[in-house]
């Protein structure tokens, strides 16, 4: 399926994770954070794709890929960024990692106990 948002194109499919070429990531993560993703995948399955460029270089989803490896999952959902420039890829990588840091929780809404349950499953 193609999604031509803002002129940037992506397509989605499932790939063997061995088809993704790992790139260095500046995002620091702990074993516990990957364990939380493992618990999430065990609970709900693979709901969020990783993002690669047209050569299969991993742009976003390093921790999701690591969690899939730990679970022995042979294929993962993948979105391919088509026609993105190096500058667009760099900007996306920064935004993908930095923007969630600006989010908070609305404690007045339901969901707190669910969040705590998932976080508690990780070692």
N, C-alpha and C. Protein backbone atom coordinates (compact mmCIF):
# COMPACT_ATOMS: atom_id res chain seq x y z
N UNK A 1 0.85 -1.17 0.00
CA UNK A 1 0.00 0.00 0.00
C UNK A 1 0.90 1.24 0.00
N UNK A 2 0.57 2.23 -0.80
CA UNK A 2 1.32 3.48 -0.85
C UNK A 2 0.64 4.55 -0.02
N UNK A 3 1.44 5.35 0.67
CA UNK A 3 0.94 6.50 1.42
C UNK A 3 1.72 7.73 1.00
N UNK A 4 1.24 8.50 0.03
CA UNK A 4 2.00 9.68 -0.43
C UNK A 4 1.67 10.93 0.39
N UNK A 5 2.01 10.93 1.67
CA UNK A 5 1.75 12.09 2.52
C UNK A 5 2.81 13.14 2.29
N UNK A 6 2.37 14.37 2.09
CA UNK A 6 3.28 15.51 1.92
C UNK A 6 4.33 15.24 0.85
N UNK A 7 4.00 14.45 -0.14
CA UNK A 7 4.94 14.19 -1.22
C UNK A 7 5.97 13.13 -0.88
N UNK A 8 6.06 12.70 0.39
CA UNK A 8 6.99 11.64 0.77
C UNK A 8 6.26 10.32 0.66
N UNK A 9 6.88 9.35 0.06
CA UNK A 9 6.20 8.08 -0.19
C UNK A 9 6.73 7.00 0.73
N UNK A 10 5.80 6.18 1.21
CA UNK A 10 6.16 4.97 1.94
C UNK A 10 5.29 3.85 1.43
N UNK A 11 5.79 2.64 1.52
CA UNK A 11 4.99 1.46 1.23
C UNK A 11 5.15 0.52 2.41
N UNK A 12 4.16 -0.34 2.63
CA UNK A 12 4.26 -1.25 3.76
C UNK A 12 4.17 -2.69 3.30
N UNK A 13 4.82 -3.56 4.05
CA UNK A 13 4.78 -5.00 3.80
C UNK A 13 5.41 -5.68 5.01
N UNK A 14 5.54 -6.99 4.95
CA UNK A 14 6.25 -7.73 5.99
C UNK A 14 7.52 -8.28 5.36
N UNK A 15 8.61 -8.17 6.08
CA UNK A 15 9.91 -8.66 5.62
C UNK A 15 10.50 -9.57 6.68
N UNK A 16 11.38 -10.48 6.26
CA UNK A 16 12.21 -11.15 7.26
C UNK A 16 13.10 -10.06 7.89
N UNK A 17 13.25 -10.06 9.20
CA UNK A 17 14.04 -9.00 9.82
C UNK A 17 15.49 -9.05 9.37
N UNK A 18 15.93 -10.19 8.87
CA UNK A 18 17.31 -10.27 8.37
C UNK A 18 17.49 -9.41 7.12
N UNK A 19 16.39 -8.97 6.49
CA UNK A 19 16.47 -8.10 5.33
C UNK A 19 16.71 -6.65 5.69
N UNK A 20 16.65 -6.31 6.97
CA UNK A 20 16.89 -4.93 7.41
C UNK A 20 18.38 -4.77 7.71
N UNK A 21 18.98 -3.73 7.16
CA UNK A 21 20.38 -3.44 7.40
C UNK A 21 20.46 -2.51 8.61
N UNK A 22 21.10 -2.98 9.66
CA UNK A 22 21.18 -2.17 10.88
C UNK A 22 22.11 -0.98 10.68
N UNK A 23 21.68 0.14 11.22
CA UNK A 23 22.48 1.36 11.22
C UNK A 23 22.68 1.76 12.67
N UNK A 24 23.75 2.49 12.94
CA UNK A 24 23.95 2.95 14.33
C UNK A 24 22.80 3.87 14.73
N UNK A 25 22.44 3.83 15.99
CA UNK A 25 21.42 4.72 16.52
C UNK A 25 22.00 5.48 17.70
N UNK A 26 21.67 6.75 17.78
CA UNK A 26 22.16 7.55 18.90
C UNK A 26 21.21 7.48 20.09
N UNK A 27 20.08 6.83 19.91
CA UNK A 27 19.09 6.72 20.98
C UNK A 27 19.57 5.65 21.97
N UNK A 28 19.75 6.05 23.21
CA UNK A 28 20.16 5.11 24.24
C UNK A 28 18.93 4.38 24.77
N UNK A 29 19.03 3.08 24.90
CA UNK A 29 17.93 2.31 25.48
C UNK A 29 18.52 1.24 26.38
N UNK A 30 17.74 0.85 27.35
CA UNK A 30 18.21 -0.15 28.31
C UNK A 30 17.62 -1.51 27.95
N UNK A 31 18.17 -2.53 28.58
CA UNK A 31 17.62 -3.88 28.41
C UNK A 31 16.16 -3.89 28.87
N UNK A 32 15.86 -3.14 29.93
CA UNK A 32 14.49 -3.08 30.45
C UNK A 32 13.52 -2.49 29.44
N UNK A 33 13.95 -1.50 28.69
CA UNK A 33 13.06 -0.90 27.68
C UNK A 33 12.77 -1.90 26.56
N UNK A 34 13.76 -2.64 26.12
CA UNK A 34 13.52 -3.66 25.11
C UNK A 34 12.63 -4.75 25.68
N UNK A 35 12.82 -5.09 26.96
CA UNK A 35 11.97 -6.10 27.60
C UNK A 35 10.52 -5.62 27.64
N UNK A 36 10.28 -4.32 27.83
CA UNK A 36 8.93 -3.79 27.79
C UNK A 36 8.32 -3.97 26.40
N UNK A 37 9.11 -3.75 25.36
CA UNK A 37 8.62 -3.98 24.00
C UNK A 37 8.34 -5.45 23.76
N UNK A 38 9.17 -6.32 24.28
CA UNK A 38 8.93 -7.76 24.17
C UNK A 38 7.58 -8.09 24.80
N UNK A 39 7.33 -7.56 26.01
CA UNK A 39 6.05 -7.82 26.69
C UNK A 39 4.88 -7.27 25.88
N UNK A 40 5.06 -6.10 25.29
CA UNK A 40 4.01 -5.49 24.48
C UNK A 40 3.70 -6.34 23.24
N UNK A 41 4.73 -6.83 22.57
CA UNK A 41 4.53 -7.68 21.38
C UNK A 41 3.86 -8.99 21.79
N UNK A 42 4.26 -9.54 22.93
CA UNK A 42 3.62 -10.78 23.39
C UNK A 42 2.14 -10.56 23.68
N UNK A 43 1.80 -9.38 24.19
CA UNK A 43 0.42 -9.08 24.55
C UNK A 43 -0.44 -8.77 23.32
N UNK A 44 0.07 -7.91 22.42
CA UNK A 44 -0.76 -7.40 21.32
C UNK A 44 -0.26 -7.74 19.93
N UNK A 45 0.91 -8.35 19.81
CA UNK A 45 1.46 -8.65 18.50
C UNK A 45 2.26 -7.48 17.96
N UNK A 46 2.62 -7.61 16.71
CA UNK A 46 3.45 -6.59 16.06
C UNK A 46 2.53 -5.56 15.42
N UNK A 47 2.34 -4.45 16.09
CA UNK A 47 1.38 -3.44 15.63
C UNK A 47 2.04 -2.24 14.98
N UNK A 48 3.33 -2.05 15.19
CA UNK A 48 4.01 -0.87 14.68
C UNK A 48 5.16 -1.30 13.78
N UNK A 49 5.18 -0.87 12.52
CA UNK A 49 6.27 -1.29 11.63
C UNK A 49 7.57 -0.54 11.92
N UNK A 50 8.67 -1.12 11.47
CA UNK A 50 9.93 -0.40 11.43
C UNK A 50 9.96 0.37 10.12
N UNK A 51 10.85 1.34 10.02
CA UNK A 51 10.98 2.15 8.80
C UNK A 51 12.36 1.96 8.24
N UNK A 52 12.44 1.61 6.96
CA UNK A 52 13.72 1.45 6.26
C UNK A 52 13.73 2.32 5.02
N UNK A 53 14.95 2.58 4.51
CA UNK A 53 15.02 3.28 3.23
C UNK A 53 14.94 2.26 2.10
N UNK A 54 15.09 2.71 0.89
CA UNK A 54 14.92 1.82 -0.27
C UNK A 54 15.97 0.73 -0.36
N UNK A 55 17.10 0.90 0.34
CA UNK A 55 18.14 -0.13 0.36
C UNK A 55 17.99 -1.06 1.56
N UNK A 56 16.94 -0.85 2.37
CA UNK A 56 16.73 -1.70 3.54
C UNK A 56 17.45 -1.23 4.79
N UNK A 57 18.08 -0.04 4.74
CA UNK A 57 18.76 0.51 5.92
C UNK A 57 17.71 0.96 6.93
N UNK A 58 17.87 0.51 8.16
CA UNK A 58 16.92 0.83 9.22
C UNK A 58 16.99 2.31 9.58
N UNK A 59 15.84 2.99 9.49
CA UNK A 59 15.73 4.40 9.85
C UNK A 59 15.16 4.53 11.25
N UNK A 60 14.10 3.79 11.54
CA UNK A 60 13.44 3.86 12.85
C UNK A 60 12.92 2.48 13.22
N UNK A 61 13.01 2.15 14.49
CA UNK A 61 12.50 0.87 14.97
C UNK A 61 13.58 -0.07 15.45
N UNK A 62 14.72 0.46 15.84
CA UNK A 62 15.82 -0.39 16.29
C UNK A 62 15.40 -1.28 17.46
N UNK A 63 14.70 -0.71 18.44
CA UNK A 63 14.30 -1.50 19.61
C UNK A 63 13.22 -2.51 19.24
N UNK A 64 12.29 -2.14 18.36
CA UNK A 64 11.26 -3.10 17.92
C UNK A 64 11.90 -4.28 17.21
N UNK A 65 12.92 -4.01 16.40
CA UNK A 65 13.64 -5.07 15.70
C UNK A 65 14.35 -5.97 16.71
N UNK A 66 14.99 -5.38 17.71
CA UNK A 66 15.67 -6.18 18.73
C UNK A 66 14.67 -7.05 19.49
N UNK A 67 13.50 -6.50 19.81
CA UNK A 67 12.47 -7.27 20.51
C UNK A 67 12.01 -8.45 19.65
N UNK A 68 11.81 -8.21 18.35
CA UNK A 68 11.39 -9.29 17.45
C UNK A 68 12.45 -10.39 17.39
N UNK A 69 13.71 -9.99 17.37
CA UNK A 69 14.79 -10.99 17.37
C UNK A 69 14.74 -11.83 18.64
N UNK A 70 14.58 -11.16 19.79
CA UNK A 70 14.55 -11.88 21.05
C UNK A 70 13.39 -12.86 21.12
N UNK A 71 12.28 -12.52 20.48
CA UNK A 71 11.10 -13.40 20.47
C UNK A 71 11.17 -14.47 19.39
N UNK A 72 12.18 -14.41 18.53
CA UNK A 72 12.30 -15.39 17.46
C UNK A 72 11.28 -15.19 16.35
N UNK A 73 10.79 -13.97 16.20
CA UNK A 73 9.81 -13.66 15.16
C UNK A 73 10.55 -13.52 13.83
N UNK A 74 10.20 -14.32 12.83
CA UNK A 74 10.96 -14.31 11.58
C UNK A 74 10.67 -13.12 10.67
N UNK A 75 9.45 -12.57 10.71
CA UNK A 75 9.10 -11.45 9.85
C UNK A 75 8.49 -10.33 10.68
N UNK A 76 8.77 -9.10 10.26
CA UNK A 76 8.25 -7.93 10.96
C UNK A 76 7.58 -7.01 9.95
N UNK A 77 6.61 -6.19 10.42
CA UNK A 77 6.03 -5.20 9.52
C UNK A 77 7.08 -4.13 9.21
N UNK A 78 7.15 -3.77 7.94
CA UNK A 78 8.15 -2.80 7.48
C UNK A 78 7.47 -1.77 6.60
N UNK A 79 7.84 -0.51 6.81
CA UNK A 79 7.46 0.55 5.88
C UNK A 79 8.75 1.00 5.20
N UNK A 80 8.67 1.21 3.89
CA UNK A 80 9.83 1.63 3.11
C UNK A 80 9.64 3.10 2.74
N UNK A 81 10.60 3.93 3.12
CA UNK A 81 10.59 5.35 2.75
C UNK A 81 11.17 5.46 1.35
N UNK A 82 10.37 5.87 0.41
CA UNK A 82 10.80 5.94 -1.00
C UNK A 82 11.04 7.39 -1.40
N UNK A 83 12.22 7.63 -1.94
CA UNK A 83 12.55 8.95 -2.45
C UNK A 83 12.95 9.96 -1.38
N UNK A 84 13.18 9.50 -0.16
CA UNK A 84 13.58 10.42 0.90
C UNK A 84 15.05 10.78 0.72
N UNK A 85 15.39 12.03 0.93
CA UNK A 85 16.79 12.47 0.88
C UNK A 85 17.47 12.12 2.20
N UNK A 86 18.79 12.17 2.22
CA UNK A 86 19.54 11.95 3.46
C UNK A 86 19.12 12.95 4.53
N UNK A 87 18.90 14.20 4.11
CA UNK A 87 18.48 15.24 5.07
C UNK A 87 17.10 14.91 5.65
N UNK A 88 16.19 14.43 4.82
CA UNK A 88 14.87 14.05 5.32
C UNK A 88 14.95 12.87 6.28
N UNK A 89 15.80 11.91 5.96
CA UNK A 89 15.98 10.76 6.84
C UNK A 89 16.55 11.20 8.18
N UNK A 90 17.59 12.04 8.18
CA UNK A 90 18.17 12.54 9.43
C UNK A 90 17.14 13.30 10.25
N UNK A 91 16.39 14.19 9.59
CA UNK A 91 15.37 14.98 10.29
C UNK A 91 14.30 14.07 10.88
N UNK A 92 13.87 13.07 10.12
CA UNK A 92 12.85 12.15 10.62
C UNK A 92 13.37 11.38 11.83
N UNK A 93 14.60 10.91 11.76
CA UNK A 93 15.19 10.15 12.86
C UNK A 93 15.20 10.97 14.15
N UNK A 94 15.58 12.23 14.03
CA UNK A 94 15.59 13.11 15.20
C UNK A 94 14.16 13.31 15.72
N UNK A 95 13.24 13.62 14.81
CA UNK A 95 11.85 13.86 15.22
C UNK A 95 11.24 12.60 15.84
N UNK A 96 11.48 11.44 15.24
CA UNK A 96 10.90 10.19 15.73
C UNK A 96 11.35 9.90 17.16
N UNK A 97 12.57 10.25 17.48
CA UNK A 97 13.10 9.99 18.81
C UNK A 97 12.82 11.12 19.80
N UNK A 98 12.79 12.36 19.33
CA UNK A 98 12.67 13.49 20.24
C UNK A 98 11.22 13.89 20.54
N UNK A 99 10.34 13.84 19.57
CA UNK A 99 8.97 14.30 19.79
C UNK A 99 8.23 13.55 20.90
N UNK A 100 8.37 12.23 21.02
CA UNK A 100 7.68 11.56 22.13
C UNK A 100 8.12 12.03 23.51
N UNK A 101 9.33 12.57 23.60
CA UNK A 101 9.81 13.06 24.89
C UNK A 101 9.01 14.26 25.37
N UNK A 102 8.33 14.94 24.46
CA UNK A 102 7.52 16.11 24.81
C UNK A 102 6.12 15.73 25.30
N UNK A 103 5.77 14.47 25.19
CA UNK A 103 4.42 14.02 25.56
C UNK A 103 4.34 13.76 27.06
N UNK A 104 3.15 13.84 27.57
CA UNK A 104 2.90 13.53 28.97
C UNK A 104 1.68 12.64 29.06
N UNK A 105 1.22 12.39 30.26
CA UNK A 105 0.04 11.58 30.51
C UNK A 105 -1.04 12.45 31.10
N UNK A 106 -2.26 12.23 30.67
CA UNK A 106 -3.41 12.88 31.29
C UNK A 106 -3.90 11.91 32.35
N UNK A 107 -3.49 12.13 33.58
CA UNK A 107 -3.80 11.20 34.66
C UNK A 107 -5.30 11.14 34.97
N UNK A 108 -6.06 12.13 34.49
CA UNK A 108 -7.50 12.12 34.74
C UNK A 108 -8.23 11.11 33.85
N UNK A 109 -7.59 10.68 32.77
CA UNK A 109 -8.22 9.72 31.86
C UNK A 109 -7.91 8.30 32.29
N UNK A 110 -8.78 7.36 31.95
CA UNK A 110 -8.50 5.95 32.26
C UNK A 110 -7.25 5.50 31.51
N UNK A 111 -6.57 4.52 32.03
CA UNK A 111 -5.41 3.98 31.34
C UNK A 111 -4.19 3.87 32.23
N UNK A 112 -4.14 4.60 33.30
CA UNK A 112 -3.01 4.52 34.21
C UNK A 112 -2.73 3.11 34.67
N UNK A 113 -3.75 2.38 35.17
CA UNK A 113 -3.49 1.02 35.64
C UNK A 113 -2.99 0.09 34.53
N UNK A 114 -3.50 0.26 33.30
CA UNK A 114 -3.03 -0.56 32.18
C UNK A 114 -1.56 -0.28 31.93
N UNK A 115 -1.21 0.98 31.92
CA UNK A 115 0.19 1.37 31.70
C UNK A 115 1.07 0.73 32.75
N UNK A 116 0.64 0.78 34.00
CA UNK A 116 1.43 0.20 35.09
C UNK A 116 1.56 -1.31 34.93
N UNK A 117 0.50 -1.98 34.49
CA UNK A 117 0.55 -3.42 34.28
C UNK A 117 1.62 -3.80 33.25
N UNK A 118 1.65 -3.07 32.15
CA UNK A 118 2.63 -3.37 31.10
C UNK A 118 4.04 -3.10 31.58
N UNK A 119 4.25 -1.98 32.24
CA UNK A 119 5.58 -1.66 32.74
C UNK A 119 6.04 -2.68 33.78
N UNK A 120 5.10 -3.22 34.55
CA UNK A 120 5.44 -4.19 35.57
C UNK A 120 5.87 -5.53 34.98
N UNK A 121 5.46 -5.84 33.73
CA UNK A 121 5.81 -7.13 33.13
C UNK A 121 7.27 -7.21 32.75
N UNK A 122 7.91 -6.07 32.55
CA UNK A 122 9.30 -6.07 32.13
C UNK A 122 10.19 -6.36 33.35
N UNK A 123 11.27 -7.10 33.14
CA UNK A 123 12.17 -7.39 34.27
C UNK A 123 12.90 -6.16 34.74
